[in-house]
Amino acid sequence: MISSLSTATINQYSVHWKNWVSFCCAQKTTPFNNKVNMIIEFLTNMFHNNSSYTSINTARSAISLITGNTLGEHENLKRFMKGIHNLRPSKPKYNDTWDPKIVLEHLQTLHPNDSISLEMLSS
């Protein structure tokens, strides 16, 4: 199962897995505990510590993979994650986006195409 993951995913998951193990140790339970209420409590703590929806969802995925539980299909957890998304929606990757029409119109004014310098194209 782990070998199906990319190195980047393993790195993301390992942070959350370590936090989950610490949480379970504090609760005096095994990290392979797949009780949904315990997992929701852990994810709630993440929310109260200002974790983003994306981070909380990644933690859920990491726990699901290791415990072998299909957490994404559990009704209470689906509702919990929907609530987290509503309260703290994902932010767009970029604050601003370019209007490609403006760029394309400008490129049309530069003729002939085969003689446009790289400097002109990138400025």
C-alpha atoms as a PDB file:
ATOM      1  CA  MET A   1       0.000   0.000   0.000  1.00  0.00           C
ATOM      2  CA  ILE A   2       2.720   2.474   0.974  1.00  0.00           C
ATOM      3  CA  SER A   3       4.699   1.756  -2.197  1.00  0.00           C
ATOM      4  CA  SER A   4       1.799   3.141  -4.234  1.00  0.00           C
ATOM      5  CA  LEU A   5       2.451   6.604  -2.783  1.00  0.00           C
ATOM      6  CA  SER A   6       4.827   9.235  -4.096  1.00  0.00           C
ATOM      7  CA  THR A   7       7.666  10.503  -1.928  1.00  0.00           C
ATOM      8  CA  ALA A   8       5.879  13.849  -1.557  1.00  0.00           C
ATOM      9  CA  THR A   9       2.703  12.136  -0.303  1.00  0.00           C
ATOM     10  CA  ILE A  10       4.672  10.020   2.175  1.00  0.00           C
ATOM     11  CA  ASN A  11       6.342  13.184   3.489  1.00  0.00           C
ATOM     12  CA  GLN A  12       2.958  14.897   3.887  1.00  0.00           C
ATOM     13  CA  TYR A  13       1.407  11.883   5.568  1.00  0.00           C
ATOM     14  CA  SER A  14       4.320  11.267   7.948  1.00  0.00           C
ATOM     15  CA  VAL A  15       3.817  14.596   9.739  1.00  0.00           C
ATOM     16  CA  HIS A  16       0.160  13.830  10.367  1.00  0.00           C
ATOM     17  CA  TRP A  17       0.873  10.218  11.273  1.00  0.00           C
ATOM     18  CA  LYS A  18       3.370  11.318  13.968  1.00  0.00           C
ATOM     19  CA  ASN A  19       0.798  13.744  15.381  1.00  0.00           C
ATOM     20  CA  TRP A  20      -1.844  10.992  15.347  1.00  0.00           C
ATOM     21  CA  VAL A  21       0.498   8.613  17.214  1.00  0.00           C
ATOM     22  CA  SER A  22       1.207  11.314  19.833  1.00  0.00           C
ATOM     23  CA  PHE A  23      -2.507  11.989  20.210  1.00  0.00           C
ATOM     24  CA  CYS A  24      -3.238   8.278  20.662  1.00  0.00           C
ATOM     25  CA  CYS A  25      -0.444   7.904  23.233  1.00  0.00           C
ATOM     26  CA  ALA A  26      -1.933  10.790  25.229  1.00  0.00           C
ATOM     27  CA  GLN A  27      -5.335   9.059  25.006  1.00  0.00           C
ATOM     28  CA  LYS A  28      -3.729   5.740  26.040  1.00  0.00           C
ATOM     29  CA  THR A  29      -4.943   3.964  22.935  1.00  0.00           C
ATOM     30  CA  THR A  30      -3.348   2.380  19.885  1.00  0.00           C
ATOM     31  CA  PRO A  31      -2.791   4.506  16.766  1.00  0.00           C
ATOM     32  CA  PHE A  32      -4.383   1.680  14.805  1.00  0.00           C
ATOM     33  CA  ASN A  33      -7.624   2.548  16.560  1.00  0.00           C
ATOM     34  CA  ASN A  34     -10.160   3.157  13.845  1.00  0.00           C
ATOM     35  CA  LYS A  35     -12.949   4.477  16.040  1.00  0.00           C
ATOM     36  CA  VAL A  36     -14.399   7.370  14.107  1.00  0.00           C
ATOM     37  CA  ASN A  37     -15.204   9.415  17.223  1.00  0.00           C
ATOM     38  CA  MET A  38     -11.524   9.314  18.255  1.00  0.00           C
ATOM     39  CA  ILE A  39     -10.431  10.354  14.759  1.00  0.00           C
ATOM     40  CA  ILE A  40     -12.961  13.211  14.728  1.00  0.00           C
ATOM     41  CA  GLU A  41     -11.613  14.369  18.109  1.00  0.00           C
ATOM     42  CA  PHE A  42      -8.069  14.418  16.686  1.00  0.00           C
ATOM     43  CA  LEU A  43      -9.195  16.321  13.579  1.00  0.00           C
ATOM     44  CA  THR A  44     -11.184  18.737  15.774  1.00  0.00           C
ATOM     45  CA  ASN A  45      -7.996  19.496  17.706  1.00  0.00           C
ATOM     46  CA  MET A  46      -6.299  20.270  14.405  1.00  0.00           C
ATOM     47  CA  PHE A  47      -9.160  22.621  13.508  1.00  0.00           C
ATOM     48  CA  HIS A  48      -8.893  24.419  16.873  1.00  0.00           C
ATOM     49  CA  ASN A  49      -5.150  24.796  16.248  1.00  0.00           C
ATOM     50  CA  ASN A  50      -6.012  26.684  13.028  1.00  0.00           C
ATOM     51  CA  SER A  51      -5.093  23.930  10.578  1.00  0.00           C
ATOM     52  CA  SER A  52      -6.469  24.430   7.089  1.00  0.00           C
ATOM     53  CA  TYR A  53      -9.146  22.222   5.561  1.00  0.00           C
ATOM     54  CA  THR A  54      -6.510  20.770   3.233  1.00  0.00           C
ATOM     55  CA  SER A  55      -4.234  19.855   6.137  1.00  0.00           C
ATOM     56  CA  ILE A  56      -7.093  18.254   8.086  1.00  0.00           C
ATOM     57  CA  ASN A  57      -8.173  16.302   5.015  1.00  0.00           C
ATOM     58  CA  THR A  58      -4.593  15.104   4.464  1.00  0.00           C
ATOM     59  CA  ALA A  59      -4.458  13.917   8.085  1.00  0.00           C
ATOM     60  CA  ARG A  60      -7.720  12.029   7.550  1.00  0.00           C
ATOM     61  CA  SER A  61      -6.282  10.378   4.450  1.00  0.00           C
ATOM     62  CA  ALA A  62      -3.072   9.403   6.261  1.00  0.00           C
ATOM     63  CA  ILE A  63      -4.968   7.826   9.160  1.00  0.00           C
ATOM     64  CA  SER A  64      -7.289   6.054   6.748  1.00  0.00           C
ATOM     65  CA  LEU A  65      -4.369   4.560   4.828  1.00  0.00           C
ATOM     66  CA  ILE A  66      -2.533   3.287   7.913  1.00  0.00           C
ATOM     67  CA  THR A  67      -5.563   1.993   9.828  1.00  0.00           C
ATOM     68  CA  GLY A  68      -7.031   0.401   6.718  1.00  0.00           C
ATOM     69  CA  ASN A  69     -10.309   2.145   7.427  1.00  0.00           C
ATOM     70  CA  THR A  70     -12.320   3.739   4.625  1.00  0.00           C
ATOM     71  CA  LEU A  71     -12.873   6.931   6.590  1.00  0.00           C
ATOM     72  CA  GLY A  72     -14.011   8.872   3.551  1.00  0.00           C
ATOM     73  CA  GLU A  73     -17.128   6.703   3.397  1.00  0.00           C
ATOM     74  CA  HIS A  74     -18.163   7.029   7.058  1.00  0.00           C
ATOM     75  CA  GLU A  75     -21.253   9.248   7.265  1.00  0.00           C
ATOM     76  CA  ASN A  76     -20.284  11.110  10.469  1.00  0.00           C
ATOM     77  CA  LEU A  77     -16.810  11.829   9.176  1.00  0.00           C
ATOM     78  CA  LYS A  78     -18.145  12.988   5.793  1.00  0.00           C
ATOM     79  CA  ARG A  79     -20.451  15.435   7.570  1.00  0.00           C
ATOM     80  CA  PHE A  80     -17.614  16.552   9.858  1.00  0.00           C
ATOM     81  CA  MET A  81     -15.320  17.243   6.887  1.00  0.00           C
ATOM     82  CA  LYS A  82     -18.109  19.097   5.070  1.00  0.00           C
ATOM     83  CA  GLY A  83     -18.560  21.269   8.163  1.00  0.00           C
ATOM     84  CA  ILE A  84     -14.814  21.973   8.308  1.00  0.00           C
ATOM     85  CA  HIS A  85     -14.882  22.921   4.627  1.00  0.00           C
ATOM     86  CA  ASN A  86     -17.833  25.265   5.199  1.00  0.00           C
ATOM     87  CA  LEU A  87     -16.188  26.912   8.227  1.00  0.00           C
ATOM     88  CA  ARG A  88     -12.706  27.092   6.736  1.00  0.00           C
ATOM     89  CA  PRO A  89     -12.865  26.695   2.948  1.00  0.00           C
ATOM     90  CA  SER A  90      -9.725  26.028   0.939  1.00  0.00           C
ATOM     91  CA  LYS A  91      -7.974  29.154  -0.255  1.00  0.00           C
ATOM     92  CA  PRO A  92      -7.103  29.584  -3.917  1.00  0.00           C
ATOM     93  CA  LYS A  93      -3.487  28.881  -4.804  1.00  0.00           C
ATOM     94  CA  TYR A  94      -3.091  32.344  -6.327  1.00  0.00           C
ATOM     95  CA  ASN A  95      -4.618  35.635  -5.199  1.00  0.00           C
ATOM     96  CA  ASP A  96      -4.616  37.062  -8.706  1.00  0.00           C
ATOM     97  CA  THR A  97      -4.942  35.526 -12.136  1.00  0.00           C
ATOM     98  CA  TRP A  98      -4.101  37.036 -15.468  1.00  0.00           C
ATOM     99  CA  ASP A  99      -6.688  37.527 -18.133  1.00  0.00           C
ATOM    100  CA  PRO A 100      -5.239  35.531 -21.057  1.00  0.00           C
ATOM    101  CA  LYS A 101      -7.192  37.672 -23.530  1.00  0.00           C
ATOM    102  CA  ILE A 102      -5.071  40.718 -22.649  1.00  0.00           C
ATOM    103  CA  VAL A 103      -1.834  38.755 -23.056  1.00  0.00           C
ATOM    104  CA  LEU A 104      -2.937  37.223 -26.359  1.00  0.00           C
ATOM    105  CA  GLU A 105      -4.030  40.590 -27.731  1.00  0.00           C
ATOM    106  CA  HIS A 106      -0.633  42.056 -26.862  1.00  0.00           C
ATOM    107  CA  LEU A 107       1.186  39.143 -28.510  1.00  0.00           C
ATOM    108  CA  GLN A 108      -0.821  39.737 -31.696  1.00  0.00           C
ATOM    109  CA  THR A 109       0.646  43.257 -31.924  1.00  0.00           C
ATOM    110  CA  LEU A 110       4.201  41.870 -32.073  1.00  0.00           C
ATOM    111  CA  HIS A 111       5.020  40.962 -35.682  1.00  0.00           C
ATOM    112  CA  PRO A 112       6.535  38.943 -37.220  1.00  0.00           C
ATOM    113  CA  ASN A 113       6.421  36.116 -34.704  1.00  0.00           C
ATOM    114  CA  ASP A 114       9.676  34.443 -35.713  1.00  0.00           C
ATOM    115  CA  SER A 115      11.700  37.586 -35.021  1.00  0.00           C
ATOM    116  CA  ILE A 116      10.355  38.368 -31.541  1.00  0.00           C
ATOM    117  CA  SER A 117      13.175  38.229 -29.006  1.00  0.00           C
ATOM    118  CA  LEU A 118      12.917  36.215 -25.810  1.00  0.00           C
ATOM    119  CA  GLU A 119      13.418  39.452 -23.885  1.00  0.00           C
ATOM    120  CA  MET A 120      10.391  40.998 -25.613  1.00  0.00           C
ATOM    121  CA  LEU A 121       8.253  37.941 -24.906  1.00  0.00           C
ATOM    122  CA  SER A 122       9.170  37.803 -21.231  1.00  0.00           C
ATOM    123  CA  SER A 123       8.778  41.488 -20.364  1.00  0.00           C
END
